[in-house]
Amino acid sequence: MADRMQYAESDARHRSIKVRQMLGDVIQHVREDVAKVDDPNAQAPFETTAEVLGGLARAYEHAEQKAEPAWR
C-alpha cells in the first residue's frame, strides 16, 4: 500500500489511501468477529460486510492508480 504521506493533504490520493487504511481496519475487525460468533446467521452479515468493504477498498485503489477507464 502506498504511503499517504508522500502526497499533499490536498491530493485526493492522500485521502483515498487514508480511507483504504480505515476500511482495512474494519475488514480485519469484522473478520475476527466472524470467528467469535457461533451462529452462522450472525456470521453472515459480518462476512458480507468484509466482502463489500473489500470491494470498496479496491475501487479506491483503482481510482488512485487510474486503473479503470472511468478514472483516466
PDB file of N, CA and C in Angstrom:
ATOM      1  N   MET A   1       0.849  -1.178   0.000  1.00  0.00           N
ATOM      2  CA  MET A   1       0.000   0.000   0.000  1.00  0.00           C
ATOM      3  C   MET A   1       0.891   1.236   0.000  1.00  0.00           C
ATOM      4  N   ALA A   2       0.527   2.210  -0.780  1.00  0.00           N
ATOM      5  CA  ALA A   2       1.272   3.452  -0.841  1.00  0.00           C
ATOM      6  C   ALA A   2       1.158   4.207   0.480  1.00  0.00           C
ATOM      7  N   ASP A   3       2.160   5.006   0.748  1.00  0.00           N
ATOM      8  CA  ASP A   3       2.153   5.815   1.957  1.00  0.00           C
ATOM      9  C   ASP A   3       1.487   7.152   1.640  1.00  0.00           C
ATOM     10  N   ARG A   4       0.427   7.447   2.358  1.00  0.00           N
ATOM     11  CA  ARG A   4      -0.321   8.670   2.060  1.00  0.00           C
ATOM     12  C   ARG A   4       0.500   9.927   2.327  1.00  0.00           C
ATOM     13  N   MET A   5       1.544   9.819   3.164  1.00  0.00           N
ATOM     14  CA  MET A   5       2.347  10.997   3.493  1.00  0.00           C
ATOM     15  C   MET A   5       3.196  11.453   2.301  1.00  0.00           C
ATOM     16  N   GLN A   6       3.307  10.629   1.270  1.00  0.00           N
ATOM     17  CA  GLN A   6       4.070  11.041   0.097  1.00  0.00           C
ATOM     18  C   GLN A   6       3.281  12.029  -0.763  1.00  0.00           C
ATOM     19  N   TYR A   7       1.998  12.213  -0.428  1.00  0.00           N
ATOM     20  CA  TYR A   7       1.140  13.142  -1.174  1.00  0.00           C
ATOM     21  C   TYR A   7       0.694  14.280  -0.255  1.00  0.00           C
ATOM     22  N   ALA A   8       0.494  15.444  -0.832  1.00  0.00           N
ATOM     23  CA  ALA A   8      -0.021  16.588  -0.076  1.00  0.00           C
ATOM     24  C   ALA A   8      -1.426  16.273   0.430  1.00  0.00           C
ATOM     25  N   GLU A   9      -1.796  16.863   1.550  1.00  0.00           N
ATOM     26  CA  GLU A   9      -3.127  16.616   2.114  1.00  0.00           C
ATOM     27  C   GLU A   9      -4.239  17.021   1.167  1.00  0.00           C
ATOM     28  N   SER A  10      -3.969  17.942   0.280  1.00  0.00           N
ATOM     29  CA  SER A  10      -4.985  18.370  -0.686  1.00  0.00           C
ATOM     30  C   SER A  10      -5.090  17.422  -1.879  1.00  0.00           C
ATOM     31  N   ASP A  11      -4.164  16.475  -1.989  1.00  0.00           N
ATOM     32  CA  ASP A  11      -4.172  15.496  -3.076  1.00  0.00           C
ATOM     33  C   ASP A  11      -5.186  14.399  -2.746  1.00  0.00           C
ATOM     34  N   ALA A  12      -6.048  14.097  -3.675  1.00  0.00           N
ATOM     35  CA  ALA A  12      -7.086  13.078  -3.452  1.00  0.00           C
ATOM     36  C   ALA A  12      -6.478  11.729  -3.082  1.00  0.00           C
ATOM     37  N   ARG A  13      -5.283  11.424  -3.585  1.00  0.00           N
ATOM     38  CA  ARG A  13      -4.641  10.148  -3.256  1.00  0.00           C
ATOM     39  C   ARG A  13      -4.320  10.053  -1.769  1.00  0.00           C
ATOM     40  N   HIS A  14      -3.962  11.156  -1.141  1.00  0.00           N
ATOM     41  CA  HIS A  14      -3.706  11.176   0.302  1.00  0.00           C
ATOM     42  C   HIS A  14      -4.957  10.732   1.053  1.00  0.00           C
ATOM     43  N   ARG A  15      -6.077  11.297   0.683  1.00  0.00           N
ATOM     44  CA  ARG A  15      -7.355  10.975   1.332  1.00  0.00           C
ATOM     45  C   ARG A  15      -7.783   9.542   1.015  1.00  0.00           C
ATOM     46  N   SER A  16      -7.597   9.146  -0.231  1.00  0.00           N
ATOM     47  CA  SER A  16      -8.002   7.808  -0.648  1.00  0.00           C
ATOM     48  C   SER A  16      -7.224   6.733   0.113  1.00  0.00           C
ATOM     49  N   ILE A  17      -5.943   6.924   0.266  1.00  0.00           N
ATOM     50  CA  ILE A  17      -5.125   5.957   0.999  1.00  0.00           C
ATOM     51  C   ILE A  17      -5.575   5.884   2.450  1.00  0.00           C
ATOM     52  N   LYS A  18      -5.880   7.026   3.040  1.00  0.00           N
ATOM     53  CA  LYS A  18      -6.352   7.042   4.429  1.00  0.00           C
ATOM     54  C   LYS A  18      -7.665   6.261   4.563  1.00  0.00           C
ATOM     55  N   VAL A  19      -8.579   6.464   3.644  1.00  0.00           N
ATOM     56  CA  VAL A  19      -9.861   5.750   3.675  1.00  0.00           C
ATOM     57  C   VAL A  19      -9.626   4.251   3.513  1.00  0.00           C
ATOM     58  N   ARG A  20      -8.743   3.873   2.580  1.00  0.00           N
ATOM     59  CA  ARG A  20      -8.460   2.450   2.391  1.00  0.00           C
ATOM     60  C   ARG A  20      -7.872   1.817   3.653  1.00  0.00           C
ATOM     61  N   GLN A  21      -7.033   2.544   4.345  1.00  0.00           N
ATOM     62  CA  GLN A  21      -6.478   2.025   5.600  1.00  0.00           C
ATOM     63  C   GLN A  21      -7.578   1.825   6.639  1.00  0.00           C
ATOM     64  N   MET A  22      -8.488   2.780   6.730  1.00  0.00           N
ATOM     65  CA  MET A  22      -9.595   2.643   7.682  1.00  0.00           C
ATOM     66  C   MET A  22     -10.491   1.473   7.299  1.00  0.00           C
ATOM     67  N   LEU A  23     -10.782   1.335   6.012  1.00  0.00           N
ATOM     68  CA  LEU A  23     -11.593   0.206   5.561  1.00  0.00           C
ATOM     69  C   LEU A  23     -10.894  -1.112   5.894  1.00  0.00           C
ATOM     70  N   GLY A  24      -9.600  -1.160   5.692  1.00  0.00           N
ATOM     71  CA  GLY A  24      -8.840  -2.363   6.025  1.00  0.00           C
ATOM     72  C   GLY A  24      -8.955  -2.728   7.495  1.00  0.00           C
ATOM     73  N   ASP A  25      -8.935  -1.714   8.352  1.00  0.00           N
ATOM     74  CA  ASP A  25      -9.085  -1.952   9.790  1.00  0.00           C
ATOM     75  C   ASP A  25     -10.459  -2.544  10.105  1.00  0.00           C
ATOM     76  N   VAL A  26     -11.500  -1.999   9.484  1.00  0.00           N
ATOM     77  CA  VAL A  26     -12.853  -2.507   9.725  1.00  0.00           C
ATOM     78  C   VAL A  26     -12.988  -3.923   9.174  1.00  0.00           C
ATOM     79  N   ILE A  27     -12.432  -4.172   7.999  1.00  0.00           N
ATOM     80  CA  ILE A  27     -12.481  -5.513   7.416  1.00  0.00           C
ATOM     81  C   ILE A  27     -11.832  -6.520   8.358  1.00  0.00           C
ATOM     82  N   GLN A  28     -10.671  -6.188   8.855  1.00  0.00           N
ATOM     83  CA  GLN A  28      -9.980  -7.089   9.786  1.00  0.00           C
ATOM     84  C   GLN A  28     -10.830  -7.329  11.030  1.00  0.00           C
ATOM     85  N   HIS A  29     -11.424  -6.275  11.551  1.00  0.00           N
ATOM     86  CA  HIS A  29     -12.239  -6.385  12.766  1.00  0.00           C
ATOM     87  C   HIS A  29     -13.450  -7.300  12.557  1.00  0.00           C
ATOM     88  N   VAL A  30     -14.183  -7.102  11.463  1.00  0.00           N
ATOM     89  CA  VAL A  30     -15.382  -7.929  11.260  1.00  0.00           C
ATOM     90  C   VAL A  30     -15.025  -9.373  10.931  1.00  0.00           C
ATOM     91  N   ARG A  31     -13.895  -9.587  10.267  1.00  0.00           N
ATOM     92  CA  ARG A  31     -13.470 -10.972  10.000  1.00  0.00           C
ATOM     93  C   ARG A  31     -13.090 -11.669  11.308  1.00  0.00           C
ATOM     94  N   GLU A  32     -12.484 -10.936  12.225  1.00  0.00           N
ATOM     95  CA  GLU A  32     -12.186 -11.504  13.543  1.00  0.00           C
ATOM     96  C   GLU A  32     -13.480 -11.808  14.286  1.00  0.00           C
ATOM     97  N   ASP A  33     -14.478 -10.961  14.125  1.00  0.00           N
ATOM     98  CA  ASP A  33     -15.765 -11.182  14.788  1.00  0.00           C
ATOM     99  C   ASP A  33     -16.461 -12.434  14.270  1.00  0.00           C
ATOM    100  N   VAL A  34     -16.271 -12.766  12.994  1.00  0.00           N
ATOM    101  CA  VAL A  34     -16.869 -13.983  12.438  1.00  0.00           C
ATOM    102  C   VAL A  34     -16.409 -15.190  13.261  1.00  0.00           C
ATOM    103  N   ALA A  35     -15.143 -15.211  13.603  1.00  0.00           N
ATOM    104  CA  ALA A  35     -14.592 -16.342  14.356  1.00  0.00           C
ATOM    105  C   ALA A  35     -15.078 -16.372  15.806  1.00  0.00           C
ATOM    106  N   LYS A  36     -15.562 -15.265  16.283  1.00  0.00           N
ATOM    107  CA  LYS A  36     -16.001 -15.171  17.683  1.00  0.00           C
ATOM    108  C   LYS A  36     -17.474 -15.496  17.875  1.00  0.00           C
ATOM    109  N   VAL A  37     -18.211 -15.609  16.773  1.00  0.00           N
ATOM    110  CA  VAL A  37     -19.654 -15.836  16.832  1.00  0.00           C
ATOM    111  C   VAL A  37     -19.946 -17.243  16.327  1.00  0.00           C
ATOM    112  N   ASP A  38     -20.747 -17.989  17.081  1.00  0.00           N
ATOM    113  CA  ASP A  38     -21.053 -19.374  16.713  1.00  0.00           C
ATOM    114  C   ASP A  38     -22.212 -19.504  15.724  1.00  0.00           C
ATOM    115  N   ASP A  39     -23.138 -18.589  15.765  1.00  0.00           N
ATOM    116  CA  ASP A  39     -24.344 -18.667  14.953  1.00  0.00           C
ATOM    117  C   ASP A  39     -24.054 -18.276  13.502  1.00  0.00           C
ATOM    118  N   PRO A  40     -24.218 -19.198  12.535  1.00  0.00           N
ATOM    119  CA  PRO A  40     -23.971 -18.875  11.121  1.00  0.00           C
ATOM    120  C   PRO A  40     -24.831 -17.719  10.619  1.00  0.00           C
ATOM    121  N   ASN A  41     -26.041 -17.583  11.152  1.00  0.00           N
ATOM    122  CA  ASN A  41     -26.907 -16.469  10.747  1.00  0.00           C
ATOM    123  C   ASN A  41     -26.356 -15.134  11.229  1.00  0.00           C
ATOM    124  N   ALA A  42     -25.620 -15.150  12.289  1.00  0.00           N
ATOM    125  CA  ALA A  42     -24.985 -13.926  12.782  1.00  0.00           C
ATOM    126  C   ALA A  42     -23.656 -13.680  12.066  1.00  0.00           C
ATOM    127  N   GLN A  43     -22.985 -14.760  11.655  1.00  0.00           N
ATOM    128  CA  GLN A  43     -21.699 -14.621  10.962  1.00  0.00           C
ATOM    129  C   GLN A  43     -21.862 -14.003   9.577  1.00  0.00           C
ATOM    130  N   ALA A  44     -22.953 -14.329   8.924  1.00  0.00           N
ATOM    131  CA  ALA A  44     -23.163 -13.900   7.536  1.00  0.00           C
ATOM    132  C   ALA A  44     -23.057 -12.389   7.342  1.00  0.00           C
ATOM    133  N   PRO A  45     -23.708 -11.558   8.181  1.00  0.00           N
ATOM    134  CA  PRO A  45     -23.581 -10.112   7.952  1.00  0.00           C
ATOM    135  C   PRO A  45     -22.152  -9.595   8.149  1.00  0.00           C
ATOM    136  N   PHE A  46     -21.405 -10.223   9.070  1.00  0.00           N
ATOM    137  CA  PHE A  46     -20.018  -9.797   9.274  1.00  0.00           C
ATOM    138  C   PHE A  46     -19.176 -10.110   8.039  1.00  0.00           C
ATOM    139  N   GLU A  47     -19.341 -11.318   7.501  1.00  0.00           N
ATOM    140  CA  GLU A  47     -18.586 -11.692   6.309  1.00  0.00           C
ATOM    141  C   GLU A  47     -19.015 -10.859   5.110  1.00  0.00           C
ATOM    142  N   THR A  48     -20.308 -10.593   4.991  1.00  0.00           N
ATOM    143  CA  THR A  48     -20.801  -9.743   3.903  1.00  0.00           C
ATOM    144  C   THR A  48     -20.216  -8.341   4.012  1.00  0.00           C
ATOM    145  N   THR A  49     -20.156  -7.827   5.215  1.00  0.00           N
ATOM    146  CA  THR A  49     -19.559  -6.504   5.442  1.00  0.00           C
ATOM    147  C   THR A  49     -18.114  -6.489   4.966  1.00  0.00           C
ATOM    148  N   ALA A  50     -17.353  -7.523   5.325  1.00  0.00           N
ATOM    149  CA  ALA A  50     -15.956  -7.594   4.907  1.00  0.00           C
ATOM    150  C   ALA A  50     -15.838  -7.627   3.384  1.00  0.00           C
ATOM    151  N   GLU A  51     -16.692  -8.393   2.734  1.00  0.00           N
ATOM    152  CA  GLU A  51     -16.633  -8.501   1.278  1.00  0.00           C
ATOM    153  C   GLU A  51     -16.983  -7.175   0.594  1.00  0.00           C
ATOM    154  N   VAL A  52     -18.039  -6.535   1.069  1.00  0.00           N
ATOM    155  CA  VAL A  52     -18.469  -5.268   0.470  1.00  0.00           C
ATOM    156  C   VAL A  52     -17.406  -4.190   0.681  1.00  0.00           C
ATOM    157  N   LEU A  53     -16.869  -4.099   1.888  1.00  0.00           N
ATOM    158  CA  LEU A  53     -15.843  -3.100   2.159  1.00  0.00           C
ATOM    159  C   LEU A  53     -14.567  -3.389   1.376  1.00  0.00           C
ATOM    160  N   GLY A  54     -14.271  -4.678   1.165  1.00  0.00           N
ATOM    161  CA  GLY A  54     -13.116  -5.033   0.337  1.00  0.00           C
ATOM    162  C   GLY A  54     -13.284  -4.534  -1.087  1.00  0.00           C
ATOM    163  N   GLY A  55     -14.487  -4.660  -1.625  1.00  0.00           N
ATOM    164  CA  GLY A  55     -14.763  -4.134  -2.961  1.00  0.00           C
ATOM    165  C   GLY A  55     -14.631  -2.626  -3.016  1.00  0.00           C
ATOM    166  N   LEU A  56     -15.090  -1.969  -1.996  1.00  0.00           N
ATOM    167  CA  LEU A  56     -14.976  -0.516  -1.923  1.00  0.00           C
ATOM    168  C   LEU A  56     -13.511  -0.096  -1.824  1.00  0.00           C
ATOM    169  N   ALA A  57     -12.727  -0.803  -1.025  1.00  0.00           N
ATOM    170  CA  ALA A  57     -11.293  -0.510  -0.912  1.00  0.00           C
ATOM    171  C   ALA A  57     -10.604  -0.680  -2.267  1.00  0.00           C
ATOM    172  N   ARG A  58     -10.981  -1.732  -2.998  1.00  0.00           N
ATOM    173  CA  ARG A  58     -10.404  -1.937  -4.338  1.00  0.00           C
ATOM    174  C   ARG A  58     -10.790  -0.807  -5.291  1.00  0.00           C
ATOM    175  N   ALA A  59     -11.999  -0.304  -5.177  1.00  0.00           N
ATOM    176  CA  ALA A  59     -12.423   0.821  -6.022  1.00  0.00           C
ATOM    177  C   ALA A  59     -11.564   2.056  -5.747  1.00  0.00           C
ATOM    178  N   TYR A  60     -11.282   2.316  -4.477  1.00  0.00           N
ATOM    179  CA  TYR A  60     -10.392   3.442  -4.140  1.00  0.00           C
ATOM    180  C   TYR A  60      -8.995   3.211  -4.713  1.00  0.00           C
ATOM    181  N   GLU A  61      -8.495   1.993  -4.590  1.00  0.00           N
ATOM    182  CA  GLU A  61      -7.169   1.682  -5.108  1.00  0.00           C
ATOM    183  C   GLU A  61      -7.123   1.870  -6.626  1.00  0.00           C
ATOM    184  N   HIS A  62      -8.147   1.410  -7.314  1.00  0.00           N
ATOM    185  CA  HIS A  62      -8.198   1.572  -8.765  1.00  0.00           C
ATOM    186  C   HIS A  62      -8.264   3.051  -9.145  1.00  0.00           C
ATOM    187  N   ALA A  63      -8.983   3.831  -8.363  1.00  0.00           N
ATOM    188  CA  ALA A  63      -9.062   5.271  -8.637  1.00  0.00           C
ATOM    189  C   ALA A  63      -7.696   5.928  -8.444  1.00  0.00           C
ATOM    190  N   GLU A  64      -6.984   5.538  -7.393  1.00  0.00           N
ATOM    191  CA  GLU A  64      -5.647   6.094  -7.154  1.00  0.00           C
ATOM    192  C   GLU A  64      -4.718   5.781  -8.313  1.00  0.00           C
ATOM    193  N   GLN A  65      -4.799   4.558  -8.805  1.00  0.00           N
ATOM    194  CA  GLN A  65      -3.904   4.105  -9.869  1.00  0.00           C
ATOM    195  C   GLN A  65      -4.418   4.446 -11.260  1.00  0.00           C
ATOM    196  N   LYS A  66      -5.627   5.016 -11.310  1.00  0.00           N
ATOM    197  CA  LYS A  66      -6.281   5.305 -12.582  1.00  0.00           C
ATOM    198  C   LYS A  66      -6.319   4.037 -13.443  1.00  0.00           C
ATOM    199  N   ALA A  67      -6.654   2.919 -12.769  1.00  0.00           N
ATOM    200  CA  ALA A  67      -6.626   1.609 -13.412  1.00  0.00           C
ATOM    201  C   ALA A  67      -7.857   1.327 -14.266  1.00  0.00           C
ATOM    202  N   GLU A  68      -8.900   2.082 -14.085  1.00  0.00           N
ATOM    203  CA  GLU A  68     -10.141   1.876 -14.831  1.00  0.00           C
ATOM    204  C   GLU A  68     -10.317   3.042 -15.820  1.00  0.00           C
ATOM    205  N   PRO A  69     -10.891   2.761 -16.978  1.00  0.00           N
ATOM    206  CA  PRO A  69     -11.093   3.831 -17.959  1.00  0.00           C
ATOM    207  C   PRO A  69     -11.859   5.037 -17.401  1.00  0.00           C
ATOM    208  N   ALA A  70     -12.771   4.813 -16.487  1.00  0.00           N
ATOM    209  CA  ALA A  70     -13.565   5.913 -15.943  1.00  0.00           C
ATOM    210  C   ALA A  70     -12.701   6.924 -15.182  1.00  0.00           C
ATOM    211  N   TRP A  71     -11.543   6.504 -14.702  1.00  0.00           N
ATOM    212  CA  TRP A  71     -10.691   7.403 -13.894  1.00  0.00           C
ATOM    213  C   TRP A  71      -9.516   7.952 -14.676  1.00  0.00           C
ATOM    214  N   ARG A  72      -9.487   7.697 -15.957  1.00  0.00           N
ATOM    215  CA  ARG A  72      -8.355   8.207 -16.763  1.00  0.00           C
ATOM    216  C   ARG A  72      -8.663   9.573 -17.306  1.00  0.00           C
TER     217      ARG A  72
END
